[in-house]
């Protein structure tokens, strides 16, 4: 870690601002934007901000442990770095830089199939749990080949994204006529459009690697995934970047947790930007909270060291929140620790950072 990162960044909003200063307008809009009206993006934040805490007092909280496990491996926090396409837009080393940061802190990372430098190179870059995430661009053999490569490279699980049957209209990008670096990899989109439950059954029969399905938004699909023996049910609306006017991810979590009933690990992403956000999701039954935009701010601001610094600040926020709730371990968090409440800020991608100041028109 670079020597001055802890002194340079004392709060998360300082990292967000540094990222903005380091990124051009194209990469910045790709990072913060959503689909069409960006309603789903805002609902992610609204769902989080519509919960308040119910703290318990007179509990000995001199020792608070926020450690967790991920598919049998001990990790420092119950968080993971979500798969993001075109990581090289935020740091020249792309997925390798993220792997170094995640490994240094010991949390899992997901590597997207549309990020450089590829699954083998990223796996070698850092220690710690890893998941390879695939956008389907070929037939069953294409999927099974990637699963075998991921297994051989030491990935702990394999993730297939299922909420991208067609490309969304991300109007911030369209308005600038920006062809993102991964557009060249979109050949074969018809295979993603044709992806179905039968496909998953066939590839699992050929390659029984631990499988996570990303993009679950209903109890019905969560239950069906569990009936197939899927090991990870990942609640996500793609950060508000696919279906417009969807529900906030945290609004979906309760019905998914109930449908899963302990049969699979429940993961979630969607607007989680502070330690308090993460604690809310854990209280409602999530096993792992995945971070997208937040770790990218760290990556853009200071490379792997910036990713570590984001996680260090989150760890402090999570542990302080747990202590003030009267909870000393993650097992002690329950739905009784949260309560519906009106939000006090307007929803938006940066609603969690009231002290953030950016140039007009960010």
Protein backbone atom coordinates (compact mmCIF):
# COMPACT_ATOMS: atom_id res chain seq x y z
CA UNK A 1 0.00 0.00 0.00
CA UNK A 2 1.39 3.40 -0.85
CA UNK A 3 2.69 5.18 2.21
CA UNK A 4 0.32 8.14 2.31
CA UNK A 5 -3.02 6.62 1.29
CA UNK A 6 -4.36 6.44 4.84
CA UNK A 7 -3.39 10.07 5.43
CA UNK A 8 -4.59 11.25 2.02
CA UNK A 9 -8.09 9.76 2.30
CA UNK A 10 -9.84 10.03 5.66
CA UNK A 11 -13.38 9.70 4.33
CA UNK A 12 -15.00 7.87 1.43
CA UNK A 13 -16.21 11.07 -0.21
CA UNK A 14 -12.59 12.19 -0.55
CA UNK A 15 -11.90 9.06 -2.58
CA UNK A 16 -14.93 9.71 -4.78
CA UNK A 17 -13.68 13.23 -5.51
CA UNK A 18 -10.17 12.00 -6.32
CA UNK A 19 -11.64 9.47 -8.73
CA UNK A 20 -13.56 12.21 -10.51
CA UNK A 21 -10.40 14.24 -10.92
CA UNK A 22 -8.55 11.27 -12.41
CA UNK A 23 -11.22 10.13 -14.89
CA UNK A 24 -12.27 11.64 -18.17
CA UNK A 25 -15.95 12.44 -18.74
CA UNK A 26 -16.58 9.26 -20.71
CA UNK A 27 -15.26 6.93 -18.00
CA UNK A 28 -16.94 8.95 -15.26
CA UNK A 29 -20.36 8.79 -16.90
CA UNK A 30 -19.92 5.08 -17.55
CA UNK A 31 -19.16 4.64 -13.84
CA UNK A 32 -21.99 6.66 -12.30
CA UNK A 33 -24.71 6.27 -14.93
CA UNK A 34 -27.73 4.01 -15.27
CA UNK A 35 -30.24 2.99 -17.89
CA UNK A 36 -32.61 5.50 -19.53
CA UNK A 37 -34.25 7.60 -16.77
CA UNK A 38 -31.96 6.10 -14.08
CA UNK A 39 -35.02 5.31 -11.96
CA UNK A 40 -33.75 1.88 -10.90
CA UNK A 41 -30.42 3.39 -9.90
CA UNK A 42 -32.19 5.90 -7.66
CA UNK A 43 -34.48 3.22 -6.20
CA UNK A 44 -31.42 1.25 -5.11
CA UNK A 45 -30.43 4.17 -2.96
CA UNK A 46 -34.00 4.92 -1.88
CA UNK A 47 -34.45 1.36 -0.59
CA UNK A 48 -31.33 1.65 1.56
CA UNK A 49 -32.22 5.10 2.90
CA UNK A 50 -35.76 4.00 3.75
CA UNK A 51 -34.53 1.87 6.64
CA UNK A 52 -33.54 3.12 10.09
CA UNK A 53 -31.78 1.22 12.86
CA UNK A 54 -33.19 -0.14 16.13
CA UNK A 55 -30.15 -0.24 18.44
CA UNK A 56 -29.89 -2.29 21.62
CA UNK A 57 -27.89 -0.86 24.52
CA UNK A 58 -26.05 -2.09 27.62
CA UNK A 59 -24.19 -4.74 25.65
CA UNK A 60 -20.46 -5.34 26.11
CA UNK A 61 -19.07 -4.30 22.72
CA UNK A 62 -15.40 -3.96 23.62
CA UNK A 63 -14.68 -6.62 21.00
CA UNK A 64 -16.53 -6.54 17.68
CA UNK A 65 -15.78 -9.08 14.96
CA UNK A 66 -16.91 -8.30 11.40
CA UNK A 67 -15.12 -11.30 9.89
CA UNK A 68 -17.06 -13.69 7.67
CA UNK A 69 -16.67 -16.71 5.42
CA UNK A 70 -17.03 -17.11 1.68
CA UNK A 71 -17.54 -20.63 0.36
CA UNK A 72 -15.55 -22.01 3.27
CA UNK A 73 -12.77 -19.42 3.27
CA UNK A 74 -12.28 -16.88 6.05
CA UNK A 75 -12.52 -13.26 4.85
CA UNK A 76 -11.98 -9.97 6.63
CA UNK A 77 -15.40 -8.44 5.89
CA UNK A 78 -18.72 -9.83 4.55
CA UNK A 79 -18.20 -7.96 1.29
CA UNK A 80 -16.98 -8.77 -2.21
CA UNK A 81 -15.90 -6.66 -5.17
CA UNK A 82 -18.59 -7.05 -7.82
CA UNK A 83 -17.85 -7.87 -11.47
CA UNK A 84 -17.43 -4.77 -13.60
CA UNK A 85 -16.75 -4.59 -17.31
CA UNK A 86 -13.88 -2.56 -18.74
CA UNK A 87 -11.90 -2.26 -15.49
CA UNK A 88 -9.02 -0.98 -17.59
CA UNK A 89 -11.00 2.26 -18.00
CA UNK A 90 -10.28 2.96 -14.33
CA UNK A 91 -6.72 1.63 -14.01
CA UNK A 92 -4.33 0.42 -16.71
CA UNK A 93 -3.84 -2.94 -14.96
CA UNK A 94 -7.59 -3.61 -14.91
CA UNK A 95 -8.53 -6.82 -13.13
CA UNK A 96 -4.98 -7.46 -11.96
CA UNK A 97 -5.02 -4.21 -9.97
CA UNK A 98 -8.34 -5.17 -8.37
CA UNK A 99 -7.00 -8.63 -7.53
CA UNK A 100 -4.02 -7.09 -5.78
CA UNK A 101 -6.20 -4.78 -3.71
CA UNK A 102 -8.76 -7.44 -2.82
CA UNK A 103 -6.05 -9.95 -1.97
CA UNK A 104 -4.16 -7.49 0.23
CA UNK A 105 -7.30 -6.87 2.29
CA UNK A 106 -8.62 -10.46 2.01
CA UNK A 107 -12.07 -10.07 0.51
CA UNK A 108 -13.37 -11.86 -2.61
CA UNK A 109 -13.30 -10.29 -6.03
CA UNK A 110 -15.43 -11.11 -9.08
CA UNK A 111 -13.67 -10.78 -12.42
CA UNK A 112 -15.89 -9.93 -15.37
CA UNK A 113 -15.35 -11.70 -18.68
CA UNK A 114 -15.38 -8.27 -20.34
CA UNK A 115 -12.46 -6.90 -18.35
CA UNK A 116 -8.76 -7.22 -19.11
CA UNK A 117 -6.32 -8.90 -18.63
CA UNK A 118 -8.32 -12.15 -18.61
CA UNK A 119 -9.09 -14.80 -16.06
CA UNK A 120 -5.68 -16.50 -15.81
CA UNK A 121 -3.64 -13.30 -15.52
CA UNK A 122 -5.96 -11.77 -12.93
CA UNK A 123 -5.93 -14.97 -10.86
CA UNK A 124 -2.14 -14.78 -10.62
CA UNK A 125 -2.15 -11.12 -9.56
CA UNK A 126 -3.44 -11.41 -6.00
CA UNK A 127 -4.20 -13.80 -3.18
CA UNK A 128 -7.68 -14.25 -1.77
CA UNK A 129 -10.98 -15.72 -2.94
CA UNK A 130 -11.98 -15.12 -6.56
CA UNK A 131 -15.05 -15.69 -8.71
CA UNK A 132 -15.09 -15.53 -12.49
CA UNK A 133 -18.24 -13.95 -13.98
CA UNK A 134 -19.29 -14.81 -17.51
CA UNK A 135 -21.37 -13.03 -20.12
CA UNK A 136 -22.48 -15.85 -22.41
CA UNK A 137 -21.21 -15.35 -25.96
CA UNK A 138 -21.30 -18.92 -27.20
CA UNK A 139 -22.90 -22.33 -26.86
CA UNK A 140 -22.66 -24.86 -24.01
CA UNK A 141 -19.07 -25.68 -24.94
CA UNK A 142 -18.18 -21.98 -24.60
CA UNK A 143 -19.56 -21.89 -21.05
CA UNK A 144 -18.03 -25.19 -19.97
CA UNK A 145 -14.64 -24.17 -21.38
CA UNK A 146 -14.66 -21.00 -19.28
CA UNK A 147 -15.72 -22.97 -16.21
CA UNK A 148 -12.83 -25.41 -16.66
CA UNK A 149 -10.37 -22.56 -17.20
CA UNK A 150 -11.62 -20.82 -14.07
CA UNK A 151 -11.34 -23.99 -12.03
CA UNK A 152 -7.82 -24.65 -13.31
CA UNK A 153 -6.84 -21.05 -12.49
CA UNK A 154 -7.95 -21.46 -8.88
CA UNK A 155 -11.23 -19.56 -8.81
CA UNK A 156 -13.48 -20.48 -5.89
CA UNK A 157 -16.75 -20.24 -7.82
CA UNK A 158 -18.20 -19.38 -11.22
CA UNK A 159 -20.84 -16.71 -11.83
CA UNK A 160 -23.23 -16.34 -14.77
CA UNK A 161 -25.03 -13.03 -15.22
CA UNK A 162 -28.65 -13.54 -16.26
CA UNK A 163 -30.13 -10.02 -16.45
CA UNK A 164 -28.49 -8.93 -19.71
CA UNK A 165 -30.53 -10.70 -22.38
CA UNK A 166 -30.37 -7.51 -24.43
CA UNK A 167 -28.18 -4.42 -24.22
CA UNK A 168 -29.70 -1.54 -22.27
CA UNK A 169 -29.88 2.09 -23.38
CA UNK A 170 -27.39 3.91 -21.17
CA UNK A 171 -28.15 7.40 -22.32
CA UNK A 172 -25.19 9.14 -20.71
CA UNK A 173 -22.98 7.03 -22.98
CA UNK A 174 -25.23 7.23 -26.02
CA UNK A 175 -25.37 11.02 -25.84
CA UNK A 176 -21.57 11.19 -26.05
CA UNK A 177 -21.40 8.66 -28.91
CA UNK A 178 -18.97 6.67 -26.78
CA UNK A 179 -18.19 3.12 -27.91
CA UNK A 180 -16.88 1.54 -24.72
CA UNK A 181 -13.72 -0.58 -25.01
CA UNK A 182 -15.62 -3.84 -24.54
CA UNK A 183 -18.05 -3.26 -27.40
CA UNK A 184 -15.82 -5.35 -29.65
CA UNK A 185 -16.68 -8.37 -27.47
CA UNK A 186 -20.42 -8.21 -28.08
CA UNK A 187 -20.44 -10.69 -30.95
CA UNK A 188 -22.55 -13.63 -29.88
CA UNK A 189 -25.15 -11.67 -27.91
CA UNK A 190 -27.77 -14.07 -29.26
CA UNK A 191 -26.43 -16.70 -26.88
CA UNK A 192 -27.05 -14.44 -23.88
CA UNK A 193 -30.56 -13.77 -25.20
CA UNK A 194 -31.16 -17.50 -25.49
CA UNK A 195 -29.80 -18.41 -22.06
CA UNK A 196 -32.37 -20.38 -20.03
CA UNK A 197 -32.70 -22.76 -17.07
CA UNK A 198 -32.12 -25.76 -19.32
CA UNK A 199 -28.75 -24.30 -20.36
CA UNK A 200 -27.70 -24.05 -16.72
CA UNK A 201 -28.76 -27.62 -16.05
CA UNK A 202 -26.73 -28.88 -19.00
CA UNK A 203 -23.52 -27.04 -18.14
CA UNK A 204 -23.74 -28.00 -14.45
CA UNK A 205 -24.03 -31.63 -15.45
CA UNK A 206 -20.77 -31.29 -17.38
CA UNK A 207 -18.85 -29.05 -14.96
CA UNK A 208 -20.01 -29.15 -11.32
CA UNK A 209 -18.14 -26.03 -10.17
CA UNK A 210 -19.81 -23.90 -7.47
CA UNK A 211 -22.20 -21.66 -9.40
CA UNK A 212 -23.57 -18.20 -8.62
CA UNK A 213 -26.48 -16.78 -10.61
CA UNK A 214 -26.29 -12.97 -10.76
CA UNK A 215 -29.33 -10.87 -11.58
CA UNK A 216 -32.03 -12.49 -9.42
CA UNK A 217 -34.89 -10.08 -8.70
CA UNK A 218 -37.79 -12.27 -7.53
CA UNK A 219 -38.54 -14.99 -5.02
CA UNK A 220 -39.73 -17.23 -7.87
CA UNK A 221 -36.36 -17.23 -9.63
CA UNK A 222 -34.48 -17.57 -6.34
CA UNK A 223 -36.52 -20.66 -5.48
CA UNK A 224 -35.94 -22.19 -8.90
CA UNK A 225 -32.19 -21.63 -8.62
CA UNK A 226 -32.17 -23.43 -5.27
CA UNK A 227 -34.19 -26.31 -6.70
CA UNK A 228 -31.35 -26.74 -9.22
CA UNK A 229 -28.79 -26.79 -6.45
CA UNK A 230 -27.22 -23.43 -7.35
CA UNK A 231 -24.80 -22.46 -4.59
CA UNK A 232 -25.11 -18.67 -4.84
CA UNK A 233 -28.20 -16.50 -5.45
CA UNK A 234 -27.04 -12.98 -6.32
CA UNK A 235 -29.69 -10.26 -5.97
CA UNK A 236 -28.88 -7.52 -8.46
CA UNK A 237 -30.43 -5.12 -10.95
CA UNK A 238 -27.02 -4.45 -12.50
CA UNK A 239 -26.60 -1.28 -10.48
CA UNK A 240 -29.64 0.21 -12.20
CA UNK A 241 -27.99 -0.26 -15.59
CA UNK A 242 -30.27 -2.81 -17.29
CA UNK A 243 -34.05 -2.70 -16.68
CA UNK A 244 -35.35 0.81 -15.99
CA UNK A 245 -38.11 1.21 -13.37
CA UNK A 246 -37.06 -1.89 -11.46
CA UNK A 247 -37.25 -2.28 -7.71
CA UNK A 248 -34.41 -1.27 -5.43
CA UNK A 249 -32.17 -4.24 -4.67
CA UNK A 250 -32.70 -4.02 -0.91
CA UNK A 251 -36.47 -4.06 -1.49
CA UNK A 252 -36.03 -7.44 -3.21
CA UNK A 253 -33.78 -9.00 -0.57
CA UNK A 254 -36.42 -10.08 1.94
CA UNK A 255 -38.45 -12.22 -0.45
CA UNK A 256 -35.30 -13.80 -1.87
CA UNK A 257 -33.92 -14.69 1.57
CA UNK A 258 -37.25 -16.30 2.45
CA UNK A 259 -37.38 -18.24 -0.81
CA UNK A 260 -33.80 -19.44 -0.46
CA UNK A 261 -34.39 -20.61 3.10
CA UNK A 262 -30.73 -21.28 3.78
CA UNK A 263 -30.26 -23.51 0.74
CA UNK A 264 -27.75 -21.18 -0.94
CA UNK A 265 -25.54 -18.20 -0.20
CA UNK A 266 -27.39 -14.91 -0.77
CA UNK A 267 -25.36 -12.09 -2.31
CA UNK A 268 -26.56 -8.60 -3.16
CA UNK A 269 -25.36 -5.42 -4.83
CA UNK A 270 -27.05 -2.16 -5.73
CA UNK A 271 -26.07 1.21 -4.31
CA UNK A 272 -24.20 0.04 -1.20
CA UNK A 273 -21.84 2.88 -0.37
CA UNK A 274 -21.35 3.01 3.42
CA UNK A 275 -20.81 0.65 6.33
CA UNK A 276 -24.35 1.37 7.52
CA UNK A 277 -25.69 0.26 4.12
CA UNK A 278 -23.87 -3.05 4.41
CA UNK A 279 -25.08 -3.67 7.95
CA UNK A 280 -28.69 -3.14 6.83
CA UNK A 281 -28.36 -5.79 4.13
CA UNK A 282 -26.73 -8.23 6.54
CA UNK A 283 -29.51 -7.67 9.07
CA UNK A 284 -32.05 -8.56 6.38
CA UNK A 285 -30.33 -11.84 5.62
CA UNK A 286 -27.65 -11.24 2.99
CA UNK A 287 -24.49 -13.33 3.39
CA UNK A 288 -22.29 -11.16 1.20
CA UNK A 289 -22.72 -7.54 0.10
CA UNK A 290 -21.03 -6.78 -3.21
CA UNK A 291 -19.56 -3.38 -3.98
CA UNK A 292 -19.45 -1.96 -7.50
CA UNK A 293 -19.05 1.77 -7.97
CA UNK A 294 -17.53 2.21 -4.51
CA UNK A 295 -14.40 0.16 -5.09
CA UNK A 296 -14.04 1.63 -8.58
CA UNK A 297 -13.69 5.06 -6.99
CA UNK A 298 -10.79 3.68 -4.99
CA UNK A 299 -9.29 2.02 -8.05
CA UNK A 300 -9.48 5.24 -10.08
CA UNK A 301 -8.21 7.37 -7.21
CA UNK A 302 -5.18 5.33 -6.20
CA UNK A 303 -5.06 1.92 -7.85
CA UNK A 304 -4.87 -1.19 -5.62
CA UNK A 305 -3.99 1.01 -2.66
CA UNK A 306 -7.18 2.98 -3.21
CA UNK A 307 -9.21 -0.23 -3.19
CA UNK A 308 -7.61 -1.20 0.12
CA UNK A 309 -8.29 2.25 1.56
CA UNK A 310 -11.99 2.03 0.63
CA UNK A 311 -12.19 -1.30 2.45
CA UNK A 312 -10.34 0.00 5.49
CA UNK A 313 -12.79 2.87 5.89
CA UNK A 314 -15.74 0.52 5.36
CA UNK A 315 -14.39 -1.82 8.01
CA UNK A 316 -14.24 1.03 10.52
CA UNK A 317 -17.79 2.11 9.62
CA UNK A 318 -19.15 -1.44 9.86
CA UNK A 319 -17.54 -2.18 13.21
CA UNK A 320 -18.68 1.13 14.71
CA UNK A 321 -22.24 0.55 13.45
CA UNK A 322 -22.31 -2.95 14.92
CA UNK A 323 -21.06 -1.69 18.28
CA UNK A 324 -23.67 1.07 18.40
CA UNK A 325 -26.36 -1.49 17.56
CA UNK A 326 -25.22 -3.66 20.46
CA UNK A 327 -23.95 -6.45 18.19
CA UNK A 328 -20.53 -8.09 18.49
CA UNK A 329 -20.64 -10.50 15.52
CA UNK A 330 -22.46 -10.80 12.23
CA UNK A 331 -24.52 -13.67 13.60
CA UNK A 332 -26.14 -11.22 16.00
CA UNK A 333 -27.63 -9.06 13.24
CA UNK A 334 -31.34 -9.72 12.62
CA UNK A 335 -34.28 -7.97 10.92
CA UNK A 336 -35.19 -6.66 14.38
CA UNK A 337 -32.29 -4.22 14.04
CA UNK A 338 -33.94 -2.26 11.21
CA UNK A 339 -37.25 -0.47 10.78
CA UNK A 340 -38.98 1.32 7.91
CA UNK A 341 -38.42 5.08 7.99
CA UNK A 342 -38.80 7.99 5.56
CA UNK A 343 -35.58 8.91 3.74
CA UNK A 344 -34.11 12.30 4.51
CA UNK A 345 -32.08 12.84 1.32
CA UNK A 346 -33.01 12.72 -2.35
CA UNK A 347 -31.97 9.39 -3.91
CA UNK A 348 -29.03 9.41 -6.25
CA UNK A 349 -25.72 7.75 -6.98
CA UNK A 350 -23.93 9.98 -4.46
CA UNK A 351 -26.71 10.34 -1.88
CA UNK A 352 -24.51 8.64 0.73
CA UNK A 353 -21.90 11.41 0.55
CA UNK A 354 -23.41 14.70 1.78
CA UNK A 355 -19.99 16.31 2.08
CA UNK A 356 -19.00 15.55 -1.50
CA UNK A 357 -18.47 18.59 -3.70
CA UNK A 358 -18.00 18.13 -7.42
CA UNK A 359 -18.00 20.54 -10.33
CA UNK A 360 -21.46 21.35 -11.63
CA UNK A 361 -22.57 18.88 -14.24
CA UNK A 362 -20.60 15.94 -12.83
